[in-house]
Amino acid sequence: MVVENRGIDIQTSAGEQVRAIFDGKVLTVANVPGMNNIVMIQHGEYFTVYAKLRGVSVSEGQIVKMRQPIGTVYTDPDGTSEVQFQVWRNSANLNPENWIGRR
């Protein structure tokens, strides 16, 4: 089975916090097989999706601020800790690398 990756996978350290990239409203918190927990945040006509989360610290309908923690990264059985990040404008998938701030 092949799964199309609509975003980028960002590797990090185990237990790292995942933060909202912009102010917005949490639309969806769900568990998706193969992606673990996901959070979708609406920013006007833009949406960001954060997948491969171990834990989630926000709830649907919650207003979040830029850089607010929304969950923690999942570490797979091989020891890889990564989050998948996607950006959408309405139904168009955008290149998320253009949206990520440098540390």
PDB file of N, CA and C in Angstrom:
ATOM      1  N   MET A   1       0.843  -1.177   0.000  1.00  0.00           N
ATOM      2  CA  MET A   1       0.000   0.000   0.000  1.00  0.00           C
ATOM      3  C   MET A   1       0.888   1.241   0.000  1.00  0.00           C
ATOM      4  N   VAL A   2       0.570   2.221  -0.830  1.00  0.00           N
ATOM      5  CA  VAL A   2       1.297   3.482  -0.900  1.00  0.00           C
ATOM      6  C   VAL A   2       0.394   4.586  -0.390  1.00  0.00           C
ATOM      7  N   VAL A   3       0.920   5.405   0.535  1.00  0.00           N
ATOM      8  CA  VAL A   3       0.173   6.534   1.069  1.00  0.00           C
ATOM      9  C   VAL A   3       0.834   7.806   0.570  1.00  0.00           C
ATOM     10  N   GLU A   4       0.044   8.674  -0.054  1.00  0.00           N
ATOM     11  CA  GLU A   4       0.590   9.925  -0.559  1.00  0.00           C
ATOM     12  C   GLU A   4       0.809  10.887   0.607  1.00  0.00           C
ATOM     13  N   ASN A   5       2.025  11.435   0.674  1.00  0.00           N
ATOM     14  CA  ASN A   5       2.357  12.396   1.714  1.00  0.00           C
ATOM     15  C   ASN A   5       2.036  13.792   1.189  1.00  0.00           C
ATOM     16  N   ARG A   6       1.075  14.478   1.797  1.00  0.00           N
ATOM     17  CA  ARG A   6       0.635  15.802   1.350  1.00  0.00           C
ATOM     18  C   ARG A   6       1.359  16.923   2.087  1.00  0.00           C
ATOM     19  N   GLY A   7       2.418  16.582   2.814  1.00  0.00           N
ATOM     20  CA  GLY A   7       3.143  17.587   3.581  1.00  0.00           C
ATOM     21  C   GLY A   7       4.612  17.234   3.678  1.00  0.00           C
ATOM     22  N   ILE A   8       5.224  17.663   4.767  1.00  0.00           N
ATOM     23  CA  ILE A   8       6.612  17.301   5.026  1.00  0.00           C
ATOM     24  C   ILE A   8       6.693  16.633   6.390  1.00  0.00           C
ATOM     25  N   ASP A   9       7.635  15.728   6.521  1.00  0.00           N
ATOM     26  CA  ASP A   9       7.895  15.076   7.799  1.00  0.00           C
ATOM     27  C   ASP A   9       9.104  15.759   8.423  1.00  0.00           C
ATOM     28  N   ILE A  10       8.939  16.230   9.650  1.00  0.00           N
ATOM     29  CA  ILE A  10       9.987  16.950  10.363  1.00  0.00           C
ATOM     30  C   ILE A  10      10.446  16.086  11.520  1.00  0.00           C
ATOM     31  N   GLN A  11      11.700  15.646  11.469  1.00  0.00           N
ATOM     32  CA  GLN A  11      12.236  14.833  12.554  1.00  0.00           C
ATOM     33  C   GLN A  11      12.738  15.736  13.671  1.00  0.00           C
ATOM     34  N   THR A  12      12.533  15.275  14.895  1.00  0.00           N
ATOM     35  CA  THR A  12      12.917  16.037  16.073  1.00  0.00           C
ATOM     36  C   THR A  12      13.256  15.068  17.195  1.00  0.00           C
ATOM     37  N   SER A  13      13.399  15.576  18.395  1.00  0.00           N
ATOM     38  CA  SER A  13      13.714  14.744  19.555  1.00  0.00           C
ATOM     39  C   SER A  13      12.437  14.183  20.167  1.00  0.00           C
ATOM     40  N   ALA A  14      12.580  13.031  20.806  1.00  0.00           N
ATOM     41  CA  ALA A  14      11.437  12.403  21.469  1.00  0.00           C
ATOM     42  C   ALA A  14      10.848  13.345  22.507  1.00  0.00           C
ATOM     43  N   GLY A  15       9.522  13.401  22.579  1.00  0.00           N
ATOM     44  CA  GLY A  15       8.839  14.199  23.581  1.00  0.00           C
ATOM     45  C   GLY A  15       8.759  15.690  23.285  1.00  0.00           C
ATOM     46  N   GLU A  16       9.261  16.121  22.120  1.00  0.00           N
ATOM     47  CA  GLU A  16       9.230  17.545  21.777  1.00  0.00           C
ATOM     48  C   GLU A  16       7.800  18.036  21.618  1.00  0.00           C
ATOM     49  N   GLN A  17       7.581  19.286  21.993  1.00  0.00           N
ATOM     50  CA  GLN A  17       6.276  19.905  21.795  1.00  0.00           C
ATOM     51  C   GLN A  17       6.111  20.301  20.332  1.00  0.00           C
ATOM     52  N   VAL A  18       4.891  20.159  19.850  1.00  0.00           N
ATOM     53  CA  VAL A  18       4.517  20.618  18.518  1.00  0.00           C
ATOM     54  C   VAL A  18       3.683  21.878  18.737  1.00  0.00           C
ATOM     55  N   ARG A  19       4.010  22.930  17.977  1.00  0.00           N
ATOM     56  CA  ARG A  19       3.377  24.231  18.203  1.00  0.00           C
ATOM     57  C   ARG A  19       2.618  24.704  16.968  1.00  0.00           C
ATOM     58  N   ALA A  20       1.561  25.455  17.208  1.00  0.00           N
ATOM     59  CA  ALA A  20       0.788  26.052  16.111  1.00  0.00           C
ATOM     60  C   ALA A  20       1.657  27.072  15.391  1.00  0.00           C
ATOM     61  N   ILE A  21       1.590  27.074  14.073  1.00  0.00           N
ATOM     62  CA  ILE A  21       2.432  27.973  13.288  1.00  0.00           C
ATOM     63  C   ILE A  21       1.842  29.381  13.197  1.00  0.00           C
ATOM     64  N   PHE A  22       0.499  29.516  13.358  1.00  0.00           N
ATOM     65  CA  PHE A  22      -0.186  30.809  13.339  1.00  0.00           C
ATOM     66  C   PHE A  22      -1.344  30.772  14.323  1.00  0.00           C
ATOM     67  N   ASP A  23      -1.897  31.939  14.639  1.00  0.00           N
ATOM     68  CA  ASP A  23      -3.136  32.006  15.407  1.00  0.00           C
ATOM     69  C   ASP A  23      -4.238  31.309  14.608  1.00  0.00           C
ATOM     70  N   GLY A  24      -5.146  30.658  15.293  1.00  0.00           N
ATOM     71  CA  GLY A  24      -6.241  30.013  14.582  1.00  0.00           C
ATOM     72  C   GLY A  24      -7.209  29.320  15.515  1.00  0.00           C
ATOM     73  N   LYS A  25      -8.103  28.549  14.905  1.00  0.00           N
ATOM     74  CA  LYS A  25      -9.129  27.806  15.636  1.00  0.00           C
ATOM     75  C   LYS A  25      -8.979  26.327  15.322  1.00  0.00           C
ATOM     76  N   VAL A  26      -8.940  25.505  16.365  1.00  0.00           N
ATOM     77  CA  VAL A  26      -8.815  24.057  16.183  1.00  0.00           C
ATOM     78  C   VAL A  26     -10.125  23.524  15.608  1.00  0.00           C
ATOM     79  N   LEU A  27     -10.039  22.961  14.399  1.00  0.00           N
ATOM     80  CA  LEU A  27     -11.227  22.397  13.746  1.00  0.00           C
ATOM     81  C   LEU A  27     -11.403  20.926  14.065  1.00  0.00           C
ATOM     82  N   THR A  28     -10.284  20.190  14.063  1.00  0.00           N
ATOM     83  CA  THR A  28     -10.357  18.742  14.210  1.00  0.00           C
ATOM     84  C   THR A  28      -9.248  18.229  15.108  1.00  0.00           C
ATOM     85  N   VAL A  29      -9.608  17.333  15.993  1.00  0.00           N
ATOM     86  CA  VAL A  29      -8.651  16.526  16.747  1.00  0.00           C
ATOM     87  C   VAL A  29      -9.126  15.099  16.536  1.00  0.00           C
ATOM     88  N   ALA A  30      -8.264  14.257  15.963  1.00  0.00           N
ATOM     89  CA  ALA A  30      -8.700  12.894  15.636  1.00  0.00           C
ATOM     90  C   ALA A  30      -7.525  11.932  15.707  1.00  0.00           C
ATOM     91  N   ASN A  31      -7.854  10.657  15.744  1.00  0.00           N
ATOM     92  CA  ASN A  31      -6.846   9.611  15.648  1.00  0.00           C
ATOM     93  C   ASN A  31      -7.041   8.929  14.304  1.00  0.00           C
ATOM     94  N   VAL A  32      -5.986   8.921  13.489  1.00  0.00           N
ATOM     95  CA  VAL A  32      -6.036   8.348  12.151  1.00  0.00           C
ATOM     96  C   VAL A  32      -5.023   7.205  12.086  1.00  0.00           C
ATOM     97  N   PRO A  33      -5.455   5.994  11.759  1.00  0.00           N
ATOM     98  CA  PRO A  33      -4.513   4.880  11.679  1.00  0.00           C
ATOM     99  C   PRO A  33      -3.318   5.222  10.772  1.00  0.00           C
ATOM    100  N   GLY A  34      -2.130   4.976  11.283  1.00  0.00           N
ATOM    101  CA  GLY A  34      -0.907   5.258  10.540  1.00  0.00           C
ATOM    102  C   GLY A  34      -0.386   6.670  10.729  1.00  0.00           C
ATOM    103  N   MET A  35      -1.228   7.561  11.242  1.00  0.00           N
ATOM    104  CA  MET A  35      -0.821   8.957  11.467  1.00  0.00           C
ATOM    105  C   MET A  35      -0.925   9.341  12.945  1.00  0.00           C
ATOM    106  N   ASN A  36      -1.388   8.405  13.769  1.00  0.00           N
ATOM    107  CA  ASN A  36      -1.621   8.654  15.189  1.00  0.00           C
ATOM    108  C   ASN A  36      -2.607   9.802  15.357  1.00  0.00           C
ATOM    109  N   ASN A  37      -2.342  10.690  16.290  1.00  0.00           N
ATOM    110  CA  ASN A  37      -3.241  11.814  16.518  1.00  0.00           C
ATOM    111  C   ASN A  37      -2.946  12.918  15.519  1.00  0.00           C
ATOM    112  N   ILE A  38      -4.003  13.581  15.064  1.00  0.00           N
ATOM    113  CA  ILE A  38      -3.838  14.726  14.172  1.00  0.00           C
ATOM    114  C   ILE A  38      -4.611  15.916  14.735  1.00  0.00           C
ATOM    115  N   VAL A  39      -4.118  17.107  14.420  1.00  0.00           N
ATOM    116  CA  VAL A  39      -4.801  18.350  14.763  1.00  0.00           C
ATOM    117  C   VAL A  39      -4.874  19.180  13.493  1.00  0.00           C
ATOM    118  N   MET A  40      -6.072  19.692  13.172  1.00  0.00           N
ATOM    119  CA  MET A  40      -6.244  20.609  12.046  1.00  0.00           C
ATOM    120  C   MET A  40      -6.673  21.950  12.615  1.00  0.00           C
ATOM    121  N   ILE A  41      -5.959  23.009  12.188  1.00  0.00           N
ATOM    122  CA  ILE A  41      -6.248  24.356  12.663  1.00  0.00           C
ATOM    123  C   ILE A  41      -6.613  25.231  11.468  1.00  0.00           C
ATOM    124  N   GLN A  42      -7.682  26.023  11.633  1.00  0.00           N
ATOM    125  CA  GLN A  42      -8.100  26.946  10.581  1.00  0.00           C
ATOM    126  C   GLN A  42      -7.534  28.325  10.876  1.00  0.00           C
ATOM    127  N   HIS A  43      -6.947  28.936   9.819  1.00  0.00           N
ATOM    128  CA  HIS A  43      -6.407  30.291   9.881  1.00  0.00           C
ATOM    129  C   HIS A  43      -7.052  31.052   8.721  1.00  0.00           C
ATOM    130  N   GLY A  44      -8.287  31.512   8.882  1.00  0.00           N
ATOM    131  CA  GLY A  44      -9.004  32.140   7.775  1.00  0.00           C
ATOM    132  C   GLY A  44      -9.261  31.108   6.690  1.00  0.00           C
ATOM    133  N   GLU A  45      -8.812  31.380   5.443  1.00  0.00           N
ATOM    134  CA  GLU A  45      -9.006  30.406   4.357  1.00  0.00           C
ATOM    135  C   GLU A  45      -7.875  29.391   4.273  1.00  0.00           C
ATOM    136  N   TYR A  46      -6.931  29.465   5.202  1.00  0.00           N
ATOM    137  CA  TYR A  46      -5.823  28.516   5.265  1.00  0.00           C
ATOM    138  C   TYR A  46      -6.054  27.525   6.397  1.00  0.00           C
ATOM    139  N   PHE A  47      -5.497  26.331   6.223  1.00  0.00           N
ATOM    140  CA  PHE A  47      -5.582  25.274   7.224  1.00  0.00           C
ATOM    141  C   PHE A  47      -4.202  24.665   7.400  1.00  0.00           C
ATOM    142  N   THR A  48      -3.832  24.360   8.649  1.00  0.00           N
ATOM    143  CA  THR A  48      -2.608  23.601   8.884  1.00  0.00           C
ATOM    144  C   THR A  48      -2.996  22.285   9.541  1.00  0.00           C
ATOM    145  N   VAL A  49      -2.268  21.235   9.175  1.00  0.00           N
ATOM    146  CA  VAL A  49      -2.503  19.902   9.718  1.00  0.00           C
ATOM    147  C   VAL A  49      -1.199  19.425  10.337  1.00  0.00           C
ATOM    148  N   TYR A  50      -1.302  18.946  11.565  1.00  0.00           N
ATOM    149  CA  TYR A  50      -0.162  18.423  12.314  1.00  0.00           C
ATOM    150  C   TYR A  50      -0.498  16.969  12.609  1.00  0.00           C
ATOM    151  N   ALA A  51       0.269  16.043  12.056  1.00  0.00           N
ATOM    152  CA  ALA A  51      -0.011  14.615  12.221  1.00  0.00           C
ATOM    153  C   ALA A  51       1.183  13.927  12.874  1.00  0.00           C
ATOM    154  N   LYS A  52       0.975  12.701  13.299  1.00  0.00           N
ATOM    155  CA  LYS A  52       1.971  11.901  14.000  1.00  0.00           C
ATOM    156  C   LYS A  52       2.259  12.476  15.386  1.00  0.00           C
ATOM    157  N   LEU A  53       1.184  12.813  16.084  1.00  0.00           N
ATOM    158  CA  LEU A  53       1.312  13.327  17.443  1.00  0.00           C
ATOM    159  C   LEU A  53       1.053  12.201  18.442  1.00  0.00           C
ATOM    160  N   ARG A  54       1.870  12.162  19.491  1.00  0.00           N
ATOM    161  CA  ARG A  54       1.659  11.175  20.558  1.00  0.00           C
ATOM    162  C   ARG A  54       0.495  11.618  21.427  1.00  0.00           C
ATOM    163  N   GLY A  55       0.532  12.855  21.845  1.00  0.00           N
ATOM    164  CA  GLY A  55      -0.516  13.403  22.682  1.00  0.00           C
ATOM    165  C   GLY A  55      -0.952  14.747  22.146  1.00  0.00           C
ATOM    166  N   VAL A  56      -2.178  15.138  22.477  1.00  0.00           N
ATOM    167  CA  VAL A  56      -2.749  16.403  22.018  1.00  0.00           C
ATOM    168  C   VAL A  56      -3.170  17.199  23.242  1.00  0.00           C
ATOM    169  N   SER A  57      -2.859  18.499  23.249  1.00  0.00           N
ATOM    170  CA  SER A  57      -3.185  19.341  24.403  1.00  0.00           C
ATOM    171  C   SER A  57      -4.202  20.431  24.067  1.00  0.00           C
ATOM    172  N   VAL A  58      -4.902  20.289  22.938  1.00  0.00           N
ATOM    173  CA  VAL A  58      -5.946  21.234  22.541  1.00  0.00           C
ATOM    174  C   VAL A  58      -7.220  20.454  22.243  1.00  0.00           C
ATOM    175  N   SER A  59      -8.324  21.170  22.119  1.00  0.00           N
ATOM    176  CA  SER A  59      -9.592  20.507  21.806  1.00  0.00           C
ATOM    177  C   SER A  59     -10.298  21.254  20.681  1.00  0.00           C
ATOM    178  N   GLU A  60     -11.211  20.567  20.020  1.00  0.00           N
ATOM    179  CA  GLU A  60     -11.949  21.158  18.906  1.00  0.00           C
ATOM    180  C   GLU A  60     -12.670  22.418  19.370  1.00  0.00           C
ATOM    181  N   GLY A  61     -12.590  23.469  18.542  1.00  0.00           N
ATOM    182  CA  GLY A  61     -13.228  24.735  18.858  1.00  0.00           C
ATOM    183  C   GLY A  61     -12.340  25.701  19.624  1.00  0.00           C
ATOM    184  N   GLN A  62     -11.227  25.204  20.131  1.00  0.00           N
ATOM    185  CA  GLN A  62     -10.317  26.053  20.919  1.00  0.00           C
ATOM    186  C   GLN A  62      -9.588  27.051  20.022  1.00  0.00           C
ATOM    187  N   ILE A  63      -9.416  28.276  20.502  1.00  0.00           N
ATOM    188  CA  ILE A  63      -8.624  29.288  19.810  1.00  0.00           C
ATOM    189  C   ILE A  63      -7.182  29.146  20.298  1.00  0.00           C
ATOM    190  N   VAL A  64      -6.237  29.075  19.350  1.00  0.00           N
ATOM    191  CA  VAL A  64      -4.826  28.936  19.706  1.00  0.00           C
ATOM    192  C   VAL A  64      -4.043  30.129  19.155  1.00  0.00           C
ATOM    193  N   LYS A  65      -2.948  30.413  19.803  1.00  0.00           N
ATOM    194  CA  LYS A  65      -2.061  31.497  19.403  1.00  0.00           C
ATOM    195  C   LYS A  65      -0.838  30.923  18.698  1.00  0.00           C
ATOM    196  N   MET A  66      -0.185  31.748  17.889  1.00  0.00           N
ATOM    197  CA  MET A  66       1.038  31.333  17.213  1.00  0.00           C
ATOM    198  C   MET A  66       2.047  30.838  18.253  1.00  0.00           C
ATOM    199  N   ARG A  67       2.654  29.708  17.957  1.00  0.00           N
ATOM    200  CA  ARG A  67       3.672  29.043  18.787  1.00  0.00           C
ATOM    201  C   ARG A  67       3.116  28.392  20.054  1.00  0.00           C
ATOM    202  N   GLN A  68       1.806  28.368  20.197  1.00  0.00           N
ATOM    203  CA  GLN A  68       1.212  27.682  21.353  1.00  0.00           C
ATOM    204  C   GLN A  68       1.375  26.178  21.181  1.00  0.00           C
ATOM    205  N   PRO A  69       1.809  25.465  22.223  1.00  0.00           N
ATOM    206  CA  PRO A  69       1.895  24.003  22.118  1.00  0.00           C
ATOM    207  C   PRO A  69       0.515  23.395  21.871  1.00  0.00           C
ATOM    208  N   ILE A  70       0.465  22.443  20.918  1.00  0.00           N
ATOM    209  CA  ILE A  70      -0.805  21.761  20.625  1.00  0.00           C
ATOM    210  C   ILE A  70      -0.713  20.266  20.896  1.00  0.00           C
ATOM    211  N   GLY A  71       0.510  19.771  21.131  1.00  0.00           N
ATOM    212  CA  GLY A  71       0.693  18.356  21.414  1.00  0.00           C
ATOM    213  C   GLY A  71       2.161  18.002  21.460  1.00  0.00           C
ATOM    214  N   THR A  72       2.435  16.690  21.527  1.00  0.00           N
ATOM    215  CA  THR A  72       3.815  16.202  21.531  1.00  0.00           C
ATOM    216  C   THR A  72       4.012  15.229  20.379  1.00  0.00           C
ATOM    217  N   VAL A  73       5.234  15.167  19.904  1.00  0.00           N
ATOM    218  CA  VAL A  73       5.571  14.335  18.754  1.00  0.00           C
ATOM    219  C   VAL A  73       5.542  12.850  19.141  1.00  0.00           C
ATOM    220  N   TYR A  74       5.128  12.028  18.202  1.00  0.00           N
ATOM    221  CA  TYR A  74       5.106  10.569  18.367  1.00  0.00           C
ATOM    222  C   TYR A  74       6.469  10.000  17.997  1.00  0.00           C
ATOM    223  N   THR A  75       6.918   9.009  18.762  1.00  0.00           N
ATOM    224  CA  THR A  75       8.145   8.289  18.443  1.00  0.00           C
ATOM    225  C   THR A  75       7.765   6.865  18.057  1.00  0.00           C
ATOM    226  N   ASP A  76       8.172   6.445  16.845  1.00  0.00           N
ATOM    227  CA  ASP A  76       7.795   5.105  16.374  1.00  0.00           C
ATOM    228  C   ASP A  76       8.670   4.036  17.039  1.00  0.00           C
ATOM    229  N   PRO A  77       8.341   2.757  16.857  1.00  0.00           N
ATOM    230  CA  PRO A  77       9.094   1.685  17.500  1.00  0.00           C
ATOM    231  C   PRO A  77      10.582   1.656  17.112  1.00  0.00           C
ATOM    232  N   ASP A  78      10.942   2.245  15.974  1.00  0.00           N
ATOM    233  CA  ASP A  78      12.351   2.303  15.565  1.00  0.00           C
ATOM    234  C   ASP A  78      13.093   3.471  16.200  1.00  0.00           C
ATOM    235  N   GLY A  79      12.379   4.305  16.982  1.00  0.00           N
ATOM    236  CA  GLY A  79      13.011   5.434  17.650  1.00  0.00           C
ATOM    237  C   GLY A  79      12.986   6.732  16.865  1.00  0.00           C
ATOM    238  N   THR A  80      12.251   6.782  15.747  1.00  0.00           N
ATOM    239  CA  THR A  80      12.164   7.998  14.949  1.00  0.00           C
ATOM    240  C   THR A  80      11.018   8.864  15.478  1.00  0.00           C
ATOM    241  N   SER A  81      11.351  10.106  15.814  1.00  0.00           N
ATOM    242  CA  SER A  81      10.352  11.067  16.286  1.00  0.00           C
ATOM    243  C   SER A  81      10.142  12.092  15.184  1.00  0.00           C
ATOM    244  N   GLU A  82       8.948  12.097  14.612  1.00  0.00           N
ATOM    245  CA  GLU A  82       8.686  13.075  13.553  1.00  0.00           C
ATOM    246  C   GLU A  82       7.224  13.467  13.547  1.00  0.00           C
ATOM    247  N   VAL A  83       6.998  14.696  13.097  1.00  0.00           N
ATOM    248  CA  VAL A  83       5.649  15.219  12.924  1.00  0.00           C
ATOM    249  C   VAL A  83       5.456  15.497  11.442  1.00  0.00           C
ATOM    250  N   GLN A  84       4.266  15.209  10.937  1.00  0.00           N
ATOM    251  CA  GLN A  84       3.964  15.573   9.552  1.00  0.00           C
ATOM    252  C   GLN A  84       3.192  16.884   9.579  1.00  0.00           C
ATOM    253  N   PHE A  85       3.626  17.828   8.741  1.00  0.00           N
ATOM    254  CA  PHE A  85       3.034  19.165   8.695  1.00  0.00           C
ATOM    255  C   PHE A  85       2.518  19.420   7.292  1.00  0.00           C
ATOM    256  N   GLN A  86       1.258  19.857   7.198  1.00  0.00           N
ATOM    257  CA  GLN A  86       0.636  20.161   5.909  1.00  0.00           C
ATOM    258  C   GLN A  86       0.022  21.560   5.969  1.00  0.00           C
ATOM    259  N   VAL A  87       0.003  22.233   4.818  1.00  0.00           N
ATOM    260  CA  VAL A  87      -0.664  23.532   4.693  1.00  0.00           C
ATOM    261  C   VAL A  87      -1.614  23.458   3.515  1.00  0.00           C
ATOM    262  N   TRP A  88      -2.824  23.948   3.720  1.00  0.00           N
ATOM    263  CA  TRP A  88      -3.867  23.958   2.691  1.00  0.00           C
ATOM    264  C   TRP A  88      -4.445  25.359   2.587  1.00  0.00           C
ATOM    265  N   ARG A  89      -4.802  25.762   1.385  1.00  0.00           N
ATOM    266  CA  ARG A  89      -5.613  26.961   1.178  1.00  0.00           C
ATOM    267  C   ARG A  89      -6.903  26.463   0.563  1.00  0.00           C
ATOM    268  N   ASN A  90      -7.984  26.523   1.333  1.00  0.00           N
ATOM    269  CA  ASN A  90      -9.237  25.886   0.960  1.00  0.00           C
ATOM    270  C   ASN A  90      -8.935  24.422   0.638  1.00  0.00           C
ATOM    271  N   SER A  91      -9.102  23.949  -0.599  1.00  0.00           N
ATOM    272  CA  SER A  91      -8.825  22.543  -0.907  1.00  0.00           C
ATOM    273  C   SER A  91      -7.507  22.351  -1.652  1.00  0.00           C
ATOM    274  N   ALA A  92      -6.703  23.422  -1.786  1.00  0.00           N
ATOM    275  CA  ALA A  92      -5.417  23.322  -2.495  1.00  0.00           C
ATOM    276  C   ALA A  92      -4.289  23.056  -1.515  1.00  0.00           C
ATOM    277  N   ASN A  93      -3.546  22.003  -1.763  1.00  0.00           N
ATOM    278  CA  ASN A  93      -2.391  21.639  -0.939  1.00  0.00           C
ATOM    279  C   ASN A  93      -1.217  22.550  -1.311  1.00  0.00           C
ATOM    280  N   LEU A  94      -0.606  23.196  -0.310  1.00  0.00           N
ATOM    281  CA  LEU A  94       0.513  24.114  -0.535  1.00  0.00           C
ATOM    282  C   LEU A  94       1.815  23.514  -0.026  1.00  0.00           C
ATOM    283  N   ASN A  95       2.942  24.087  -0.465  1.00  0.00           N
ATOM    284  CA  ASN A  95       4.249  23.627  -0.010  1.00  0.00           C
ATOM    285  C   ASN A  95       4.494  24.147   1.407  1.00  0.00           C
ATOM    286  N   PRO A  96       4.519  23.256   2.398  1.00  0.00           N
ATOM    287  CA  PRO A  96       4.664  23.710   3.785  1.00  0.00           C
ATOM    288  C   PRO A  96       6.040  24.293   4.104  1.00  0.00           C
ATOM    289  N   GLU A  97       7.044  23.963   3.314  1.00  0.00           N
ATOM    290  CA  GLU A  97       8.384  24.468   3.619  1.00  0.00           C
ATOM    291  C   GLU A  97       8.438  25.994   3.561  1.00  0.00           C
ATOM    292  N   ASN A  98       7.548  26.611   2.782  1.00  0.00           N
ATOM    293  CA  ASN A  98       7.519  28.068   2.680  1.00  0.00           C
ATOM    294  C   ASN A  98       6.911  28.722   3.917  1.00  0.00           C
ATOM    295  N   TRP A  99       6.316  27.928   4.804  1.00  0.00           N
ATOM    296  CA  TRP A  99       5.576  28.462   5.948  1.00  0.00           C
ATOM    297  C   TRP A  99       6.277  28.272   7.278  1.00  0.00           C
ATOM    298  N   ILE A 100       7.350  27.498   7.278  1.00  0.00           N
ATOM    299  CA  ILE A 100       8.016  27.155   8.532  1.00  0.00           C
ATOM    300  C   ILE A 100       9.044  28.206   8.888  1.00  0.00           C
ATOM    301  N   GLY A 101       8.952  28.711  10.109  1.00  0.00           N
ATOM    302  CA  GLY A 101       9.947  29.649  10.612  1.00  0.00           C
ATOM    303  C   GLY A 101      11.187  28.889  11.067  1.00  0.00           C
ATOM    304  N   ARG A 102      12.302  29.518  10.937  1.00  0.00           N
ATOM    305  CA  ARG A 102      13.545  28.908  11.416  1.00  0.00           C
ATOM    306  C   ARG A 102      13.628  29.071  12.925  1.00  0.00           C
ATOM    307  N   ARG A 103      14.293  28.145  13.573  1.00  0.00           N
ATOM    308  CA  ARG A 103      14.439  28.192  15.026  1.00  0.00           C
ATOM    309  C   ARG A 103      15.195  29.385  15.489  1.00  0.00           C
TER     310      ARG A 103
END
